[in-house]
Amino acid sequence: MQFLMDLQLFASKKGVGSSKNGRDSISKRLGVKRSDGQYVSSGNILVRQRGTKIHPGNNVGKGSDDTLFALVDGVVKFERKGKDKKQVSVYAKEAAL
């Protein structure tokens, strides 16, 4: 009677998995671009933001990506809007003096 041996060889080294690190997104450069009391020209970007963290006030427009920009030449003024909101306004040079 003859015995058949079924021999199976396994891997001698453990399979190496890939790392889950090594990715990062580029920064979006968000934040306040012009400070309170600073003179700005029409079209200058005042705040880059996601959502309306700061609301547009007098002479300030809001872009489709919630960017706030000056509509007239003048001086930037950050103000409170109610109890818990902030807004930024631009007062024309004549009115600011």
N, C-alpha and C. Protein backbone atom coordinates (compact mmCIF):
# COMPACT_ATOMS: atom_id res chain seq x y z
N MET A 1 0.83 -1.16 0.00
CA MET A 1 0.00 0.00 0.00
C MET A 1 0.90 1.24 0.00
N GLN A 2 0.53 2.15 -0.81
CA GLN A 2 1.36 3.33 -0.99
C GLN A 2 0.59 4.58 -0.52
N PHE A 3 1.30 5.44 0.27
CA PHE A 3 0.67 6.67 0.77
C PHE A 3 1.08 7.84 -0.10
N LEU A 4 0.13 8.63 -0.44
CA LEU A 4 0.41 9.85 -1.19
C LEU A 4 0.44 11.02 -0.22
N MET A 5 1.54 11.78 -0.27
CA MET A 5 1.64 12.94 0.61
C MET A 5 1.27 14.18 -0.19
N ASP A 6 0.36 14.91 0.37
CA ASP A 6 -0.01 16.17 -0.27
C ASP A 6 0.73 17.29 0.46
N LEU A 7 1.77 17.82 -0.15
CA LEU A 7 2.63 18.81 0.47
C LEU A 7 2.31 20.19 -0.12
N GLN A 8 2.03 21.13 0.78
CA GLN A 8 1.72 22.48 0.32
C GLN A 8 2.67 23.45 0.98
N LEU A 9 3.33 24.30 0.19
CA LEU A 9 4.28 25.27 0.71
C LEU A 9 3.58 26.62 0.87
N PHE A 10 3.87 27.28 2.00
CA PHE A 10 3.28 28.59 2.27
C PHE A 10 4.33 29.67 2.05
N ALA A 11 3.87 30.86 1.95
CA ALA A 11 4.80 31.98 1.76
C ALA A 11 5.70 32.10 2.97
N SER A 12 6.97 32.33 2.72
CA SER A 12 7.92 32.43 3.82
C SER A 12 8.00 33.85 4.36
N LYS A 13 7.48 34.83 3.59
CA LYS A 13 7.46 36.22 4.07
C LYS A 13 6.02 36.71 4.08
N LYS A 14 5.75 37.54 5.07
CA LYS A 14 4.41 38.09 5.18
C LYS A 14 4.18 39.11 4.06
N GLY A 15 3.01 39.13 3.49
CA GLY A 15 2.68 40.12 2.46
C GLY A 15 2.71 41.52 3.06
N VAL A 16 3.31 42.47 2.35
CA VAL A 16 3.44 43.82 2.86
C VAL A 16 2.27 44.66 2.37
N GLY A 17 1.55 45.27 3.32
CA GLY A 17 0.41 46.12 2.97
C GLY A 17 0.87 47.52 2.61
N SER A 18 0.01 48.27 1.97
CA SER A 18 0.38 49.64 1.61
C SER A 18 0.04 50.57 2.77
N SER A 19 0.76 51.66 2.85
CA SER A 19 0.54 52.65 3.92
C SER A 19 -0.72 53.45 3.62
N LYS A 20 -1.44 53.83 4.67
CA LYS A 20 -2.63 54.65 4.50
C LYS A 20 -2.32 56.13 4.68
N ASN A 21 -1.04 56.47 4.82
CA ASN A 21 -0.64 57.87 4.98
C ASN A 21 -0.20 58.45 3.64
N GLY A 22 0.31 59.66 3.66
CA GLY A 22 0.93 60.22 2.47
C GLY A 22 0.05 61.05 1.58
N ARG A 23 -1.14 61.46 2.07
CA ARG A 23 -2.01 62.32 1.27
C ARG A 23 -2.25 63.61 2.03
N ASP A 24 -2.37 64.70 1.32
CA ASP A 24 -2.72 65.97 1.95
C ASP A 24 -3.26 66.89 0.86
N SER A 25 -4.30 67.65 1.19
CA SER A 25 -4.86 68.58 0.21
C SER A 25 -4.14 69.92 0.32
N ILE A 26 -4.14 70.65 -0.78
CA ILE A 26 -3.50 71.97 -0.76
C ILE A 26 -4.36 72.93 0.07
N SER A 27 -3.72 73.89 0.73
CA SER A 27 -4.46 74.84 1.56
C SER A 27 -5.26 75.79 0.67
N LYS A 28 -6.38 76.25 1.18
CA LYS A 28 -7.29 77.09 0.39
C LYS A 28 -7.06 78.58 0.62
N ARG A 29 -6.16 78.95 1.51
CA ARG A 29 -5.82 80.36 1.79
C ARG A 29 -7.06 81.17 2.17
N LEU A 30 -7.83 80.65 3.11
CA LEU A 30 -9.03 81.33 3.57
C LEU A 30 -8.67 82.32 4.68
N GLY A 31 -9.58 83.24 4.95
CA GLY A 31 -9.39 84.15 6.08
C GLY A 31 -9.58 85.61 5.69
N VAL A 32 -9.35 86.48 6.67
CA VAL A 32 -9.49 87.92 6.48
C VAL A 32 -8.28 88.44 5.71
N LYS A 33 -8.53 89.17 4.63
CA LYS A 33 -7.44 89.67 3.78
C LYS A 33 -7.15 91.16 4.00
N ARG A 34 -8.12 91.91 4.50
CA ARG A 34 -7.93 93.34 4.79
C ARG A 34 -8.42 93.60 6.21
N SER A 35 -7.63 94.34 6.98
CA SER A 35 -7.96 94.55 8.39
C SER A 35 -8.81 95.81 8.60
N ASP A 36 -9.33 95.94 9.82
CA ASP A 36 -10.18 97.06 10.20
C ASP A 36 -9.41 98.38 10.10
N GLY A 37 -10.02 99.38 9.46
CA GLY A 37 -9.38 100.69 9.33
C GLY A 37 -8.48 100.82 8.11
N GLN A 38 -8.31 99.75 7.36
CA GLN A 38 -7.43 99.78 6.19
C GLN A 38 -8.18 100.35 4.98
N TYR A 39 -7.49 101.15 4.17
CA TYR A 39 -8.08 101.71 2.96
C TYR A 39 -8.07 100.65 1.86
N VAL A 40 -9.20 100.49 1.16
CA VAL A 40 -9.29 99.51 0.07
C VAL A 40 -9.86 100.17 -1.17
N SER A 41 -9.54 99.58 -2.30
CA SER A 41 -10.10 100.01 -3.58
C SER A 41 -11.28 99.12 -3.92
N SER A 42 -12.13 99.61 -4.80
CA SER A 42 -13.26 98.83 -5.27
C SER A 42 -12.78 97.52 -5.89
N GLY A 43 -13.40 96.42 -5.51
CA GLY A 43 -13.03 95.11 -6.05
C GLY A 43 -12.04 94.34 -5.20
N ASN A 44 -11.42 95.00 -4.20
CA ASN A 44 -10.48 94.29 -3.32
C ASN A 44 -11.21 93.23 -2.51
N ILE A 45 -10.58 92.07 -2.38
CA ILE A 45 -11.14 90.99 -1.57
C ILE A 45 -10.89 91.30 -0.10
N LEU A 46 -11.95 91.23 0.70
CA LEU A 46 -11.85 91.52 2.13
C LEU A 46 -11.72 90.23 2.94
N VAL A 47 -12.55 89.23 2.62
CA VAL A 47 -12.56 87.97 3.37
C VAL A 47 -12.80 86.82 2.40
N ARG A 48 -12.00 85.77 2.53
CA ARG A 48 -12.27 84.51 1.82
C ARG A 48 -12.76 83.53 2.87
N GLN A 49 -13.91 82.90 2.61
CA GLN A 49 -14.50 82.04 3.63
C GLN A 49 -15.34 80.95 3.00
N ARG A 50 -15.68 79.96 3.81
CA ARG A 50 -16.61 78.90 3.43
C ARG A 50 -17.86 79.10 4.28
N GLY A 51 -18.97 79.43 3.64
CA GLY A 51 -20.16 79.80 4.40
C GLY A 51 -20.04 81.25 4.81
N THR A 52 -21.14 81.82 5.34
CA THR A 52 -21.09 83.23 5.72
C THR A 52 -20.75 83.37 7.20
N LYS A 53 -19.51 83.11 7.54
CA LYS A 53 -19.01 83.33 8.91
C LYS A 53 -19.05 84.82 9.21
N ILE A 54 -18.68 85.63 8.22
CA ILE A 54 -18.77 87.09 8.31
C ILE A 54 -19.73 87.54 7.20
N HIS A 55 -20.72 88.36 7.55
CA HIS A 55 -21.75 88.77 6.59
C HIS A 55 -21.36 90.08 5.89
N PRO A 56 -21.87 90.29 4.68
CA PRO A 56 -21.57 91.54 3.97
C PRO A 56 -22.41 92.69 4.54
N GLY A 57 -21.77 93.84 4.74
CA GLY A 57 -22.47 95.03 5.23
C GLY A 57 -22.58 96.07 4.13
N ASN A 58 -22.44 97.35 4.50
CA ASN A 58 -22.55 98.45 3.53
C ASN A 58 -21.40 98.41 2.53
N ASN A 59 -21.74 98.55 1.25
CA ASN A 59 -20.76 98.62 0.16
C ASN A 59 -19.87 97.39 0.06
N VAL A 60 -20.39 96.23 0.45
CA VAL A 60 -19.64 94.97 0.36
C VAL A 60 -20.48 93.97 -0.40
N GLY A 61 -19.88 93.32 -1.40
CA GLY A 61 -20.57 92.30 -2.18
C GLY A 61 -20.14 90.91 -1.74
N LYS A 62 -20.97 89.91 -2.11
CA LYS A 62 -20.67 88.52 -1.76
C LYS A 62 -20.63 87.69 -3.02
N GLY A 63 -19.50 86.99 -3.25
CA GLY A 63 -19.34 86.15 -4.42
C GLY A 63 -20.03 84.80 -4.25
N SER A 64 -20.04 84.01 -5.29
CA SER A 64 -20.70 82.70 -5.25
C SER A 64 -20.02 81.73 -4.30
N ASP A 65 -18.74 81.96 -4.01
CA ASP A 65 -18.02 81.11 -3.06
C ASP A 65 -17.95 81.77 -1.68
N ASP A 66 -18.87 82.72 -1.40
CA ASP A 66 -18.99 83.44 -0.12
C ASP A 66 -17.84 84.41 0.14
N THR A 67 -17.04 84.72 -0.87
CA THR A 67 -15.98 85.71 -0.73
C THR A 67 -16.61 87.10 -0.63
N LEU A 68 -16.13 87.91 0.31
CA LEU A 68 -16.62 89.28 0.48
C LEU A 68 -15.63 90.24 -0.18
N PHE A 69 -16.16 91.21 -0.93
CA PHE A 69 -15.29 92.15 -1.65
C PHE A 69 -15.88 93.56 -1.59
N ALA A 70 -15.02 94.55 -1.71
CA ALA A 70 -15.43 95.95 -1.64
C ALA A 70 -16.11 96.38 -2.93
N LEU A 71 -17.20 97.13 -2.80
CA LEU A 71 -17.91 97.66 -3.96
C LEU A 71 -17.50 99.11 -4.26
N VAL A 72 -16.92 99.79 -3.28
CA VAL A 72 -16.48 101.18 -3.46
C VAL A 72 -15.10 101.35 -2.83
N ASP A 73 -14.42 102.42 -3.21
CA ASP A 73 -13.17 102.79 -2.53
C ASP A 73 -13.53 103.32 -1.14
N GLY A 74 -12.77 102.93 -0.13
CA GLY A 74 -13.06 103.44 1.21
C GLY A 74 -12.29 102.71 2.29
N VAL A 75 -12.80 102.84 3.52
CA VAL A 75 -12.14 102.28 4.70
C VAL A 75 -12.95 101.09 5.21
N VAL A 76 -12.24 100.00 5.55
CA VAL A 76 -12.88 98.77 6.04
C VAL A 76 -13.26 98.93 7.50
N LYS A 77 -14.46 98.45 7.86
CA LYS A 77 -14.90 98.49 9.25
C LYS A 77 -15.59 97.16 9.56
N PHE A 78 -15.04 96.42 10.55
CA PHE A 78 -15.68 95.19 11.02
C PHE A 78 -16.63 95.56 12.16
N GLU A 79 -17.87 95.05 12.08
CA GLU A 79 -18.91 95.42 13.05
C GLU A 79 -19.65 94.18 13.52
N ARG A 80 -20.35 94.35 14.64
CA ARG A 80 -21.21 93.27 15.13
C ARG A 80 -22.59 93.46 14.51
N LYS A 81 -23.22 92.34 14.19
CA LYS A 81 -24.56 92.37 13.61
C LYS A 81 -25.45 91.55 14.53
N GLY A 82 -26.14 92.21 15.42
CA GLY A 82 -26.93 91.50 16.41
C GLY A 82 -26.03 90.93 17.51
N LYS A 83 -26.48 89.85 18.13
CA LYS A 83 -25.77 89.30 19.27
C LYS A 83 -24.63 88.38 18.88
N ASP A 84 -24.81 87.63 17.82
CA ASP A 84 -23.84 86.56 17.51
C ASP A 84 -23.31 86.58 16.08
N LYS A 85 -23.54 87.67 15.35
CA LYS A 85 -23.06 87.71 13.97
C LYS A 85 -22.07 88.85 13.78
N LYS A 86 -21.19 88.68 12.78
CA LYS A 86 -20.23 89.73 12.43
C LYS A 86 -20.48 90.16 11.00
N GLN A 87 -20.20 91.40 10.70
CA GLN A 87 -20.31 91.88 9.33
C GLN A 87 -19.16 92.82 9.04
N VAL A 88 -18.86 92.95 7.76
CA VAL A 88 -17.80 93.88 7.34
C VAL A 88 -18.42 94.89 6.37
N SER A 89 -18.11 96.15 6.59
CA SER A 89 -18.60 97.23 5.74
C SER A 89 -17.43 98.03 5.20
N VAL A 90 -17.68 98.73 4.10
CA VAL A 90 -16.69 99.66 3.56
C VAL A 90 -17.37 101.02 3.48
N TYR A 91 -16.77 102.00 4.15
CA TYR A 91 -17.32 103.34 4.13
C TYR A 91 -16.49 104.20 3.19
N ALA A 92 -17.19 104.87 2.27
CA ALA A 92 -16.53 105.69 1.25
C ALA A 92 -15.63 106.72 1.91
N LYS A 93 -14.60 107.09 1.21
CA LYS A 93 -13.56 107.98 1.75
C LYS A 93 -14.16 109.28 2.31
N GLU A 94 -15.13 109.86 1.62
CA GLU A 94 -15.76 111.11 2.07
C GLU A 94 -16.50 110.89 3.39
N ALA A 95 -17.24 109.78 3.50
CA ALA A 95 -18.03 109.50 4.70
C ALA A 95 -17.14 109.08 5.87
N ALA A 96 -15.99 108.50 5.58
CA ALA A 96 -15.11 108.00 6.64
C ALA A 96 -14.35 109.12 7.33
N LEU A 97 -14.18 110.27 6.67
CA LEU A 97 -13.41 111.37 7.25
C LEU A 97 -14.18 112.13 8.31
